[in-house]
Amino acid sequence: MGNPVIRSDRVEGTAVYNPSGDKLGSIDTLMIDKRSGNVRYAVLEFGGFLGIGSDRYPLPWDMLTYDTGKDGYVVPLQKETLNAAPKHAKDELPPYDDDYGRRVYDYYGVTWH
């Protein structure tokens, strides 16, 4: 097995697929918990056309699985699930506080930690 760590700039821009193999978007950025050092969210760029008009969808990091065959991440979601998910515009950053985090994690059915 290769190196178990990866630089954040290598994650940004990586494609994200659903289990059916449909490309949902790509990782825009990572949100890291300052206290624990753990990645809390991978922010997915989804929608729009060629990056114009796309929104940012914070996904709990634990939902993503790296697939070497796809050279990208797979999340157990369909596009329809993302359409109603918590999101923000590229230039509008939500608070990313614990209340926001609980809302995001609850939406996806992931335990907040």
PDB file of N, CA and C in Angstrom:
ATOM      1  N   MET A   1       0.847  -1.188   0.000  1.00  0.00           N
ATOM      2  CA  MET A   1       0.000   0.000   0.000  1.00  0.00           C
ATOM      3  C   MET A   1       0.882   1.236   0.000  1.00  0.00           C
ATOM      4  N   GLY A   2       0.423   2.276  -0.659  1.00  0.00           N
ATOM      5  CA  GLY A   2       1.165   3.521  -0.742  1.00  0.00           C
ATOM      6  C   GLY A   2       1.119   4.301   0.566  1.00  0.00           C
ATOM      7  N   ASN A   3       1.581   5.500   0.484  1.00  0.00           N
ATOM      8  CA  ASN A   3       1.614   6.388   1.636  1.00  0.00           C
ATOM      9  C   ASN A   3       0.193   6.616   2.161  1.00  0.00           C
ATOM     10  N   PRO A   4      -0.023   6.503   3.484  1.00  0.00           N
ATOM     11  CA  PRO A   4      -1.373   6.660   4.038  1.00  0.00           C
ATOM     12  C   PRO A   4      -1.829   8.111   4.201  1.00  0.00           C
ATOM     13  N   VAL A   5      -0.983   9.079   3.882  1.00  0.00           N
ATOM     14  CA  VAL A   5      -1.377  10.487   3.996  1.00  0.00           C
ATOM     15  C   VAL A   5      -1.310  11.146   2.626  1.00  0.00           C
ATOM     16  N   ILE A   6      -2.008  12.269   2.507  1.00  0.00           N
ATOM     17  CA  ILE A   6      -2.023  13.015   1.250  1.00  0.00           C
ATOM     18  C   ILE A   6      -2.042  14.505   1.575  1.00  0.00           C
ATOM     19  N   ARG A   7      -1.376  15.286   0.758  1.00  0.00           N
ATOM     20  CA  ARG A   7      -1.393  16.745   0.934  1.00  0.00           C
ATOM     21  C   ARG A   7      -2.760  17.282   0.528  1.00  0.00           C
ATOM     22  N   SER A   8      -3.196  18.329   1.226  1.00  0.00           N
ATOM     23  CA  SER A   8      -4.521  18.887   0.945  1.00  0.00           C
ATOM     24  C   SER A   8      -4.632  19.391  -0.492  1.00  0.00           C
ATOM     25  N   ASP A   9      -3.566  19.928  -1.057  1.00  0.00           N
ATOM     26  CA  ASP A   9      -3.660  20.433  -2.427  1.00  0.00           C
ATOM     27  C   ASP A   9      -3.838  19.309  -3.446  1.00  0.00           C
ATOM     28  N   ARG A  10      -3.530  18.077  -3.061  1.00  0.00           N
ATOM     29  CA  ARG A  10      -3.756  16.934  -3.942  1.00  0.00           C
ATOM     30  C   ARG A  10      -5.211  16.470  -3.868  1.00  0.00           C
ATOM     31  N   VAL A  11      -5.889  16.762  -2.762  1.00  0.00           N
ATOM     32  CA  VAL A  11      -7.299  16.391  -2.599  1.00  0.00           C
ATOM     33  C   VAL A  11      -8.183  17.393  -3.340  1.00  0.00           C
ATOM     34  N   GLU A  12      -7.839  18.673  -3.239  1.00  0.00           N
ATOM     35  CA  GLU A  12      -8.623  19.712  -3.899  1.00  0.00           C
ATOM     36  C   GLU A  12      -8.612  19.480  -5.410  1.00  0.00           C
ATOM     37  N   GLY A  13      -9.785  19.465  -6.002  1.00  0.00           N
ATOM     38  CA  GLY A  13      -9.919  19.221  -7.431  1.00  0.00           C
ATOM     39  C   GLY A  13     -10.187  17.761  -7.772  1.00  0.00           C
ATOM     40  N   THR A  14     -10.082  16.870  -6.792  1.00  0.00           N
ATOM     41  CA  THR A  14     -10.327  15.449  -7.037  1.00  0.00           C
ATOM     42  C   THR A  14     -11.818  15.218  -7.286  1.00  0.00           C
ATOM     43  N   ALA A  15     -12.111  14.387  -8.266  1.00  0.00           N
ATOM     44  CA  ALA A  15     -13.495  14.086  -8.629  1.00  0.00           C
ATOM     45  C   ALA A  15     -14.193  13.301  -7.524  1.00  0.00           C
ATOM     46  N   VAL A  16     -15.518  13.516  -7.434  1.00  0.00           N
ATOM     47  CA  VAL A  16     -16.366  12.795  -6.493  1.00  0.00           C
ATOM     48  C   VAL A  16     -17.489  12.144  -7.298  1.00  0.00           C
ATOM     49  N   TYR A  17     -17.696  10.851  -7.045  1.00  0.00           N
ATOM     50  CA  TYR A  17     -18.682  10.056  -7.767  1.00  0.00           C
ATOM     51  C   TYR A  17     -19.702   9.477  -6.799  1.00  0.00           C
ATOM     52  N   ASN A  18     -20.868   9.101  -7.324  1.00  0.00           N
ATOM     53  CA  ASN A  18     -21.809   8.328  -6.525  1.00  0.00           C
ATOM     54  C   ASN A  18     -21.519   6.851  -6.799  1.00  0.00           C
ATOM     55  N   PRO A  19     -22.140   5.927  -6.068  1.00  0.00           N
ATOM     56  CA  PRO A  19     -21.852   4.507  -6.268  1.00  0.00           C
ATOM     57  C   PRO A  19     -22.150   3.995  -7.680  1.00  0.00           C
ATOM     58  N   SER A  20     -23.029   4.677  -8.413  1.00  0.00           N
ATOM     59  CA  SER A  20     -23.343   4.274  -9.792  1.00  0.00           C
ATOM     60  C   SER A  20     -22.262   4.693 -10.767  1.00  0.00           C
ATOM     61  N   GLY A  21     -21.301   5.497 -10.299  1.00  0.00           N
ATOM     62  CA  GLY A  21     -20.228   5.956 -11.173  1.00  0.00           C
ATOM     63  C   GLY A  21     -20.469   7.314 -11.791  1.00  0.00           C
ATOM     64  N   ASP A  22     -21.600   7.968 -11.443  1.00  0.00           N
ATOM     65  CA  ASP A  22     -21.884   9.307 -11.966  1.00  0.00           C
ATOM     66  C   ASP A  22     -21.006  10.318 -11.239  1.00  0.00           C
ATOM     67  N   LYS A  23     -20.369  11.189 -12.001  1.00  0.00           N
ATOM     68  CA  LYS A  23     -19.563  12.240 -11.375  1.00  0.00           C
ATOM     69  C   LYS A  23     -20.491  13.296 -10.797  1.00  0.00           C
ATOM     70  N   LEU A  24     -20.318  13.568  -9.498  1.00  0.00           N
ATOM     71  CA  LEU A  24     -21.139  14.573  -8.824  1.00  0.00           C
ATOM     72  C   LEU A  24     -20.483  15.941  -8.846  1.00  0.00           C
ATOM     73  N   GLY A  25     -19.192  15.986  -8.875  1.00  0.00           N
ATOM     74  CA  GLY A  25     -18.458  17.243  -8.828  1.00  0.00           C
ATOM     75  C   GLY A  25     -17.026  16.971  -8.427  1.00  0.00           C
ATOM     76  N   SER A  26     -16.430  17.951  -7.765  1.00  0.00           N
ATOM     77  CA  SER A  26     -15.048  17.784  -7.313  1.00  0.00           C
ATOM     78  C   SER A  26     -14.868  18.480  -5.970  1.00  0.00           C
ATOM     79  N   ILE A  27     -13.821  18.088  -5.267  1.00  0.00           N
ATOM     80  CA  ILE A  27     -13.527  18.680  -3.971  1.00  0.00           C
ATOM     81  C   ILE A  27     -12.999  20.092  -4.190  1.00  0.00           C
ATOM     82  N   ASP A  28     -13.668  21.064  -3.582  1.00  0.00           N
ATOM     83  CA  ASP A  28     -13.238  22.458  -3.659  1.00  0.00           C
ATOM     84  C   ASP A  28     -12.196  22.744  -2.582  1.00  0.00           C
ATOM     85  N   THR A  29     -12.480  22.309  -1.376  1.00  0.00           N
ATOM     86  CA  THR A  29     -11.580  22.580  -0.256  1.00  0.00           C
ATOM     87  C   THR A  29     -11.872  21.598   0.874  1.00  0.00           C
ATOM     88  N   LEU A  30     -10.995  21.575   1.844  1.00  0.00           N
ATOM     89  CA  LEU A  30     -11.194  20.783   3.050  1.00  0.00           C
ATOM     90  C   LEU A  30     -11.375  21.730   4.217  1.00  0.00           C
ATOM     91  N   MET A  31     -12.234  21.355   5.140  1.00  0.00           N
ATOM     92  CA  MET A  31     -12.424  22.118   6.372  1.00  0.00           C
ATOM     93  C   MET A  31     -11.883  21.260   7.505  1.00  0.00           C
ATOM     94  N   ILE A  32     -10.893  21.795   8.233  1.00  0.00           N
ATOM     95  CA  ILE A  32     -10.185  21.047   9.262  1.00  0.00           C
ATOM     96  C   ILE A  32     -10.516  21.618  10.634  1.00  0.00           C
ATOM     97  N   ASP A  33     -10.833  20.725  11.562  1.00  0.00           N
ATOM     98  CA  ASP A  33     -11.098  21.131  12.945  1.00  0.00           C
ATOM     99  C   ASP A  33      -9.783  21.606  13.554  1.00  0.00           C
ATOM    100  N   LYS A  34      -9.744  22.858  13.996  1.00  0.00           N
ATOM    101  CA  LYS A  34      -8.497  23.436  14.532  1.00  0.00           C
ATOM    102  C   LYS A  34      -8.031  22.744  15.800  1.00  0.00           C
ATOM    103  N   ARG A  35      -8.967  22.263  16.607  1.00  0.00           N
ATOM    104  CA  ARG A  35      -8.578  21.649  17.880  1.00  0.00           C
ATOM    105  C   ARG A  35      -8.075  20.228  17.712  1.00  0.00           C
ATOM    106  N   SER A  36      -8.784  19.415  16.945  1.00  0.00           N
ATOM    107  CA  SER A  36      -8.401  18.005  16.813  1.00  0.00           C
ATOM    108  C   SER A  36      -7.430  17.759  15.663  1.00  0.00           C
ATOM    109  N   GLY A  37      -7.449  18.643  14.669  1.00  0.00           N
ATOM    110  CA  GLY A  37      -6.625  18.440  13.483  1.00  0.00           C
ATOM    111  C   GLY A  37      -7.261  17.501  12.469  1.00  0.00           C
ATOM    112  N   ASN A  38      -8.457  16.999  12.756  1.00  0.00           N
ATOM    113  CA  ASN A  38      -9.141  16.091  11.839  1.00  0.00           C
ATOM    114  C   ASN A  38      -9.880  16.862  10.756  1.00  0.00           C
ATOM    115  N   VAL A  39      -9.937  16.275   9.568  1.00  0.00           N
ATOM    116  CA  VAL A  39     -10.744  16.862   8.499  1.00  0.00           C
ATOM    117  C   VAL A  39     -12.199  16.658   8.885  1.00  0.00           C
ATOM    118  N   ARG A  40     -12.949  17.729   8.933  1.00  0.00           N
ATOM    119  CA  ARG A  40     -14.356  17.638   9.293  1.00  0.00           C
ATOM    120  C   ARG A  40     -15.242  17.550   8.046  1.00  0.00           C
ATOM    121  N   TYR A  41     -14.903  18.309   7.009  1.00  0.00           N
ATOM    122  CA  TYR A  41     -15.697  18.323   5.775  1.00  0.00           C
ATOM    123  C   TYR A  41     -14.796  18.329   4.554  1.00  0.00           C
ATOM    124  N   ALA A  42     -15.294  17.693   3.519  1.00  0.00           N
ATOM    125  CA  ALA A  42     -14.781  17.902   2.171  1.00  0.00           C
ATOM    126  C   ALA A  42     -15.873  18.718   1.496  1.00  0.00           C
ATOM    127  N   VAL A  43     -15.546  19.893   1.031  1.00  0.00           N
ATOM    128  CA  VAL A  43     -16.552  20.766   0.428  1.00  0.00           C
ATOM    129  C   VAL A  43     -16.600  20.461  -1.069  1.00  0.00           C
ATOM    130  N   LEU A  44     -17.749  19.934  -1.496  1.00  0.00           N
ATOM    131  CA  LEU A  44     -17.961  19.511  -2.868  1.00  0.00           C
ATOM    132  C   LEU A  44     -18.448  20.675  -3.714  1.00  0.00           C
ATOM    133  N   GLU A  45     -17.821  20.888  -4.842  1.00  0.00           N
ATOM    134  CA  GLU A  45     -18.330  21.841  -5.830  1.00  0.00           C
ATOM    135  C   GLU A  45     -19.274  21.057  -6.734  1.00  0.00           C
ATOM    136  N   PHE A  46     -20.544  21.484  -6.779  1.00  0.00           N
ATOM    137  CA  PHE A  46     -21.575  20.737  -7.485  1.00  0.00           C
ATOM    138  C   PHE A  46     -22.521  21.704  -8.169  1.00  0.00           C
ATOM    139  N   GLY A  47     -22.961  21.335  -9.362  1.00  0.00           N
ATOM    140  CA  GLY A  47     -23.931  22.142 -10.094  1.00  0.00           C
ATOM    141  C   GLY A  47     -23.248  23.145 -10.997  1.00  0.00           C
ATOM    142  N   GLY A  48     -24.043  23.966 -11.598  1.00  0.00           N
ATOM    143  CA  GLY A  48     -23.514  24.979 -12.511  1.00  0.00           C
ATOM    144  C   GLY A  48     -22.983  24.357 -13.795  1.00  0.00           C
ATOM    145  N   PHE A  49     -22.255  25.173 -14.553  1.00  0.00           N
ATOM    146  CA  PHE A  49     -21.680  24.726 -15.818  1.00  0.00           C
ATOM    147  C   PHE A  49     -20.258  25.246 -15.893  1.00  0.00           C
ATOM    148  N   LEU A  50     -19.310  24.334 -16.003  1.00  0.00           N
ATOM    149  CA  LEU A  50     -17.885  24.677 -16.060  1.00  0.00           C
ATOM    150  C   LEU A  50     -17.459  25.560 -14.885  1.00  0.00           C
ATOM    151  N   GLY A  51     -18.005  25.248 -13.716  1.00  0.00           N
ATOM    152  CA  GLY A  51     -17.639  25.979 -12.506  1.00  0.00           C
ATOM    153  C   GLY A  51     -18.394  27.274 -12.297  1.00  0.00           C
ATOM    154  N   ILE A  52     -19.207  27.684 -13.272  1.00  0.00           N
ATOM    155  CA  ILE A  52     -19.969  28.920 -13.147  1.00  0.00           C
ATOM    156  C   ILE A  52     -21.349  28.575 -12.588  1.00  0.00           C
ATOM    157  N   GLY A  53     -21.713  29.254 -11.522  1.00  0.00           N
ATOM    158  CA  GLY A  53     -23.014  29.020 -10.907  1.00  0.00           C
ATOM    159  C   GLY A  53     -23.061  27.796 -10.017  1.00  0.00           C
ATOM    160  N   SER A  54     -21.915  27.195  -9.762  1.00  0.00           N
ATOM    161  CA  SER A  54     -21.912  26.021  -8.893  1.00  0.00           C
ATOM    162  C   SER A  54     -21.937  26.451  -7.434  1.00  0.00           C
ATOM    163  N   ASP A  55     -22.480  25.592  -6.592  1.00  0.00           N
ATOM    164  CA  ASP A  55     -22.524  25.831  -5.160  1.00  0.00           C
ATOM    165  C   ASP A  55     -21.544  24.906  -4.468  1.00  0.00           C
ATOM    166  N   ARG A  56     -21.346  25.138  -3.172  1.00  0.00           N
ATOM    167  CA  ARG A  56     -20.447  24.334  -2.349  1.00  0.00           C
ATOM    168  C   ARG A  56     -21.281  23.565  -1.327  1.00  0.00           C
ATOM    169  N   TYR A  57     -21.051  22.270  -1.241  1.00  0.00           N
ATOM    170  CA  TYR A  57     -21.796  21.371  -0.372  1.00  0.00           C
ATOM    171  C   TYR A  57     -20.821  20.710   0.599  1.00  0.00           C
ATOM    172  N   PRO A  58     -20.879  21.069   1.883  1.00  0.00           N
ATOM    173  CA  PRO A  58     -19.992  20.409   2.835  1.00  0.00           C
ATOM    174  C   PRO A  58     -20.462  18.972   3.086  1.00  0.00           C
ATOM    175  N   LEU A  59     -19.573  18.027   2.867  1.00  0.00           N
ATOM    176  CA  LEU A  59     -19.869  16.621   3.108  1.00  0.00           C
ATOM    177  C   LEU A  59     -19.032  16.156   4.294  1.00  0.00           C
ATOM    178  N   PRO A  60     -19.629  15.457   5.245  1.00  0.00           N
ATOM    179  CA  PRO A  60     -18.823  14.899   6.325  1.00  0.00           C
ATOM    180  C   PRO A  60     -17.706  14.028   5.736  1.00  0.00           C
ATOM    181  N   TRP A  61     -16.494  14.276   6.154  1.00  0.00           N
ATOM    182  CA  TRP A  61     -15.329  13.593   5.598  1.00  0.00           C
ATOM    183  C   TRP A  61     -15.473  12.077   5.661  1.00  0.00           C
ATOM    184  N   ASP A  62     -16.092  11.573   6.736  1.00  0.00           N
ATOM    185  CA  ASP A  62     -16.231  10.130   6.918  1.00  0.00           C
ATOM    186  C   ASP A  62     -17.113   9.479   5.855  1.00  0.00           C
ATOM    187  N   MET A  63     -17.848  10.265   5.091  1.00  0.00           N
ATOM    188  CA  MET A  63     -18.698   9.701   4.039  1.00  0.00           C
ATOM    189  C   MET A  63     -17.913   9.337   2.789  1.00  0.00           C
ATOM    190  N   LEU A  64     -16.737   9.903   2.619  1.00  0.00           N
ATOM    191  CA  LEU A  64     -15.974   9.715   1.397  1.00  0.00           C
ATOM    192  C   LEU A  64     -15.071   8.488   1.489  1.00  0.00           C
ATOM    193  N   THR A  65     -15.032   7.734   0.412  1.00  0.00           N
ATOM    194  CA  THR A  65     -14.136   6.589   0.287  1.00  0.00           C
ATOM    195  C   THR A  65     -13.338   6.784  -0.991  1.00  0.00           C
ATOM    196  N   TYR A  66     -12.024   6.649  -0.888  1.00  0.00           N
ATOM    197  CA  TYR A  66     -11.202   6.820  -2.087  1.00  0.00           C
ATOM    198  C   TYR A  66     -11.232   5.542  -2.915  1.00  0.00           C
ATOM    199  N   ASP A  67     -11.490   5.685  -4.211  1.00  0.00           N
ATOM    200  CA  ASP A  67     -11.543   4.563  -5.141  1.00  0.00           C
ATOM    201  C   ASP A  67     -10.383   4.705  -6.120  1.00  0.00           C
ATOM    202  N   THR A  68      -9.391   3.834  -6.011  1.00  0.00           N
ATOM    203  CA  THR A  68      -8.215   3.937  -6.877  1.00  0.00           C
ATOM    204  C   THR A  68      -8.569   3.711  -8.342  1.00  0.00           C
ATOM    205  N   GLY A  69      -9.587   2.889  -8.618  1.00  0.00           N
ATOM    206  CA  GLY A  69     -10.001   2.652  -9.995  1.00  0.00           C
ATOM    207  C   GLY A  69     -10.584   3.886 -10.663  1.00  0.00           C
ATOM    208  N   LYS A  70     -11.229   4.724  -9.872  1.00  0.00           N
ATOM    209  CA  LYS A  70     -11.819   5.965 -10.396  1.00  0.00           C
ATOM    210  C   LYS A  70     -10.866   7.146 -10.229  1.00  0.00           C
ATOM    211  N   ASP A  71      -9.812   6.947  -9.430  1.00  0.00           N
ATOM    212  CA  ASP A  71      -8.898   8.030  -9.080  1.00  0.00           C
ATOM    213  C   ASP A  71      -9.698   9.204  -8.516  1.00  0.00           C
ATOM    214  N   GLY A  72     -10.669   8.852  -7.664  1.00  0.00           N
ATOM    215  CA  GLY A  72     -11.529   9.859  -7.067  1.00  0.00           C
ATOM    216  C   GLY A  72     -12.241   9.278  -5.856  1.00  0.00           C
ATOM    217  N   TYR A  73     -13.050  10.117  -5.242  1.00  0.00           N
ATOM    218  CA  TYR A  73     -13.799   9.717  -4.054  1.00  0.00           C
ATOM    219  C   TYR A  73     -15.200   9.278  -4.439  1.00  0.00           C
ATOM    220  N   VAL A  74     -15.756   8.362  -3.656  1.00  0.00           N
ATOM    221  CA  VAL A  74     -17.127   7.897  -3.853  1.00  0.00           C
ATOM    222  C   VAL A  74     -17.898   8.220  -2.584  1.00  0.00           C
ATOM    223  N   VAL A  75     -19.094   8.771  -2.758  1.00  0.00           N
ATOM    224  CA  VAL A  75     -19.991   9.047  -1.636  1.00  0.00           C
ATOM    225  C   VAL A  75     -21.317   8.341  -1.908  1.00  0.00           C
ATOM    226  N   PRO A  76     -21.976   7.836  -0.859  1.00  0.00           N
ATOM    227  CA  PRO A  76     -23.228   7.112  -1.051  1.00  0.00           C
ATOM    228  C   PRO A  76     -24.417   8.054  -1.245  1.00  0.00           C
ATOM    229  N   LEU A  77     -24.360   8.871  -2.283  1.00  0.00           N
ATOM    230  CA  LEU A  77     -25.391   9.879  -2.532  1.00  0.00           C
ATOM    231  C   LEU A  77     -25.779   9.900  -3.997  1.00  0.00           C
ATOM    232  N   GLN A  78     -26.985  10.319  -4.241  1.00  0.00           N
ATOM    233  CA  GLN A  78     -27.440  10.595  -5.603  1.00  0.00           C
ATOM    234  C   GLN A  78     -27.557  12.115  -5.758  1.00  0.00           C
ATOM    235  N   LYS A  79     -27.577  12.592  -6.983  1.00  0.00           N
ATOM    236  CA  LYS A  79     -27.671  14.036  -7.240  1.00  0.00           C
ATOM    237  C   LYS A  79     -28.893  14.647  -6.573  1.00  0.00           C
ATOM    238  N   GLU A  80     -29.991  13.910  -6.534  1.00  0.00           N
ATOM    239  CA  GLU A  80     -31.225  14.430  -5.942  1.00  0.00           C
ATOM    240  C   GLU A  80     -31.045  14.738  -4.455  1.00  0.00           C
ATOM    241  N   THR A  81     -30.249  13.933  -3.767  1.00  0.00           N
ATOM    242  CA  THR A  81     -29.975  14.164  -2.346  1.00  0.00           C
ATOM    243  C   THR A  81     -29.198  15.464  -2.171  1.00  0.00           C
ATOM    244  N   LEU A  82     -28.271  15.717  -3.058  1.00  0.00           N
ATOM    245  CA  LEU A  82     -27.483  16.950  -2.970  1.00  0.00           C
ATOM    246  C   LEU A  82     -28.326  18.189  -3.247  1.00  0.00           C
ATOM    247  N   ASN A  83     -29.306  18.077  -4.106  1.00  0.00           N
ATOM    248  CA  ASN A  83     -30.120  19.243  -4.451  1.00  0.00           C
ATOM    249  C   ASN A  83     -30.766  19.894  -3.234  1.00  0.00           C
ATOM    250  N   ALA A  84     -31.106  19.101  -2.219  1.00  0.00           N
ATOM    251  CA  ALA A  84     -31.757  19.635  -1.017  1.00  0.00           C
ATOM    252  C   ALA A  84     -30.794  19.767   0.167  1.00  0.00           C
ATOM    253  N   ALA A  85     -29.527  19.482  -0.046  1.00  0.00           N
ATOM    254  CA  ALA A  85     -28.537  19.469   1.039  1.00  0.00           C
ATOM    255  C   ALA A  85     -28.110  20.879   1.442  1.00  0.00           C
ATOM    256  N   PRO A  86     -27.569  21.030   2.655  1.00  0.00           N
ATOM    257  CA  PRO A  86     -26.986  22.322   3.042  1.00  0.00           C
ATOM    258  C   PRO A  86     -25.893  22.716   2.048  1.00  0.00           C
ATOM    259  N   LYS A  87     -25.935  23.979   1.634  1.00  0.00           N
ATOM    260  CA  LYS A  87     -24.977  24.443   0.631  1.00  0.00           C
ATOM    261  C   LYS A  87     -24.735  25.930   0.815  1.00  0.00           C
ATOM    262  N   HIS A  88     -23.735  26.420   0.107  1.00  0.00           N
ATOM    263  CA  HIS A  88     -23.463  27.856   0.091  1.00  0.00           C
ATOM    264  C   HIS A  88     -22.790  28.218  -1.219  1.00  0.00           C
ATOM    265  N   ALA A  89     -22.892  29.473  -1.587  1.00  0.00           N
ATOM    266  CA  ALA A  89     -22.224  29.967  -2.784  1.00  0.00           C
ATOM    267  C   ALA A  89     -20.722  30.030  -2.534  1.00  0.00           C
ATOM    268  N   LYS A  90     -19.958  30.031  -3.597  1.00  0.00           N
ATOM    269  CA  LYS A  90     -18.497  30.049  -3.497  1.00  0.00           C
ATOM    270  C   LYS A  90     -18.003  31.200  -2.632  1.00  0.00           C
ATOM    271  N   ASP A  91     -18.614  32.361  -2.778  1.00  0.00           N
ATOM    272  CA  ASP A  91     -18.148  33.559  -2.067  1.00  0.00           C
ATOM    273  C   ASP A  91     -18.898  33.825  -0.764  1.00  0.00           C
ATOM    274  N   GLU A  92     -19.728  32.874  -0.317  1.00  0.00           N
ATOM    275  CA  GLU A  92     -20.469  33.021   0.944  1.00  0.00           C
ATOM    276  C   GLU A  92     -20.109  31.868   1.864  1.00  0.00           C
ATOM    277  N   LEU A  93     -19.354  32.146   2.893  1.00  0.00           N
ATOM    278  CA  LEU A  93     -18.923  31.105   3.811  1.00  0.00           C
ATOM    279  C   LEU A  93     -19.849  31.043   5.019  1.00  0.00           C
ATOM    280  N   PRO A  94     -20.489  29.875   5.265  1.00  0.00           N
ATOM    281  CA  PRO A  94     -21.330  29.744   6.455  1.00  0.00           C
ATOM    282  C   PRO A  94     -20.456  29.739   7.709  1.00  0.00           C
ATOM    283  N   PRO A  95     -21.057  29.761   8.892  1.00  0.00           N
ATOM    284  CA  PRO A  95     -20.253  29.861  10.109  1.00  0.00           C
ATOM    285  C   PRO A  95     -19.391  28.627  10.396  1.00  0.00           C
ATOM    286  N   TYR A  96     -19.774  27.463   9.897  1.00  0.00           N
ATOM    287  CA  TYR A  96     -19.055  26.211  10.184  1.00  0.00           C
ATOM    288  C   TYR A  96     -18.824  26.026  11.675  1.00  0.00           C
ATOM    289  N   ASP A  97     -19.776  26.502  12.490  1.00  0.00           N
ATOM    290  CA  ASP A  97     -19.699  26.271  13.932  1.00  0.00           C
ATOM    291  C   ASP A  97     -20.376  24.939  14.249  1.00  0.00           C
ATOM    292  N   ASP A  98     -20.445  24.584  15.535  1.00  0.00           N
ATOM    293  CA  ASP A  98     -21.016  23.293  15.915  1.00  0.00           C
ATOM    294  C   ASP A  98     -22.483  23.155  15.527  1.00  0.00           C
ATOM    295  N   ASP A  99     -23.270  24.224  15.630  1.00  0.00           N
ATOM    296  CA  ASP A  99     -24.683  24.149  15.238  1.00  0.00           C
ATOM    297  C   ASP A  99     -24.819  23.844  13.747  1.00  0.00           C
ATOM    298  N   TYR A 100     -24.025  24.523  12.932  1.00  0.00           N
ATOM    299  CA  TYR A 100     -24.045  24.272  11.495  1.00  0.00           C
ATOM    300  C   TYR A 100     -23.576  22.840  11.210  1.00  0.00           C
ATOM    301  N   GLY A 101     -22.535  22.431  11.895  1.00  0.00           N
ATOM    302  CA  GLY A 101     -22.011  21.085  11.705  1.00  0.00           C
ATOM    303  C   GLY A 101     -23.030  20.008  12.019  1.00  0.00           C
ATOM    304  N   ARG A 102     -23.739  20.178  13.105  1.00  0.00           N
ATOM    305  CA  ARG A 102     -24.777  19.204  13.473  1.00  0.00           C
ATOM    306  C   ARG A 102     -25.863  19.140  12.400  1.00  0.00           C
ATOM    307  N   ARG A 103     -26.228  20.289  11.862  1.00  0.00           N
ATOM    308  CA  ARG A 103     -27.256  20.325  10.814  1.00  0.00           C
ATOM    309  C   ARG A 103     -26.782  19.576   9.563  1.00  0.00           C
ATOM    310  N   VAL A 104     -25.537  19.794   9.166  1.00  0.00           N
ATOM    311  CA  VAL A 104     -24.977  19.107   7.996  1.00  0.00           C
ATOM    312  C   VAL A 104     -24.908  17.604   8.251  1.00  0.00           C
ATOM    313  N   TYR A 105     -24.329  17.223   9.374  1.00  0.00           N
ATOM    314  CA  TYR A 105     -24.183  15.801   9.686  1.00  0.00           C
ATOM    315  C   TYR A 105     -25.547  15.131   9.814  1.00  0.00           C
ATOM    316  N   ASP A 106     -26.508  15.801  10.452  1.00  0.00           N
ATOM    317  CA  ASP A 106     -27.857  15.241  10.583  1.00  0.00           C
ATOM    318  C   ASP A 106     -28.497  15.022   9.215  1.00  0.00           C
ATOM    319  N   TYR A 107     -28.310  15.965   8.302  1.00  0.00           N
ATOM    320  CA  TYR A 107     -28.896  15.841   6.975  1.00  0.00           C
ATOM    321  C   TYR A 107     -28.444  14.532   6.310  1.00  0.00           C
ATOM    322  N   TYR A 108     -27.173  14.214   6.461  1.00  0.00           N
ATOM    323  CA  TYR A 108     -26.628  13.018   5.838  1.00  0.00           C
ATOM    324  C   TYR A 108     -26.728  11.779   6.703  1.00  0.00           C
ATOM    325  N   GLY A 109     -27.275  11.912   7.921  1.00  0.00           N
ATOM    326  CA  GLY A 109     -27.423  10.760   8.808  1.00  0.00           C
ATOM    327  C   GLY A 109     -26.110  10.278   9.383  1.00  0.00           C
ATOM    328  N   VAL A 110     -25.172  11.190   9.552  1.00  0.00           N
ATOM    329  CA  VAL A 110     -23.857  10.860  10.110  1.00  0.00           C
ATOM    330  C   VAL A 110     -23.786  11.400  11.525  1.00  0.00           C
ATOM    331  N   THR A 111     -23.193  10.635  12.423  1.00  0.00           N
ATOM    332  CA  THR A 111     -23.064  11.047  13.814  1.00  0.00           C
ATOM    333  C   THR A 111     -22.076  12.190  13.932  1.00  0.00           C
ATOM    334  N   TRP A 112     -22.513  13.268  14.570  1.00  0.00           N
ATOM    335  CA  TRP A 112     -21.669  14.442  14.803  1.00  0.00           C
ATOM    336  C   TRP A 112     -20.617  14.088  15.846  1.00  0.00           C
ATOM    337  N   HIS A 113     -19.399  14.499  15.580  1.00  0.00           N
ATOM    338  CA  HIS A 113     -18.335  14.276  16.568  1.00  0.00           C
ATOM    339  C   HIS A 113     -17.414  15.460  16.632  1.00  0.00           C
TER     340      HIS A 113
END
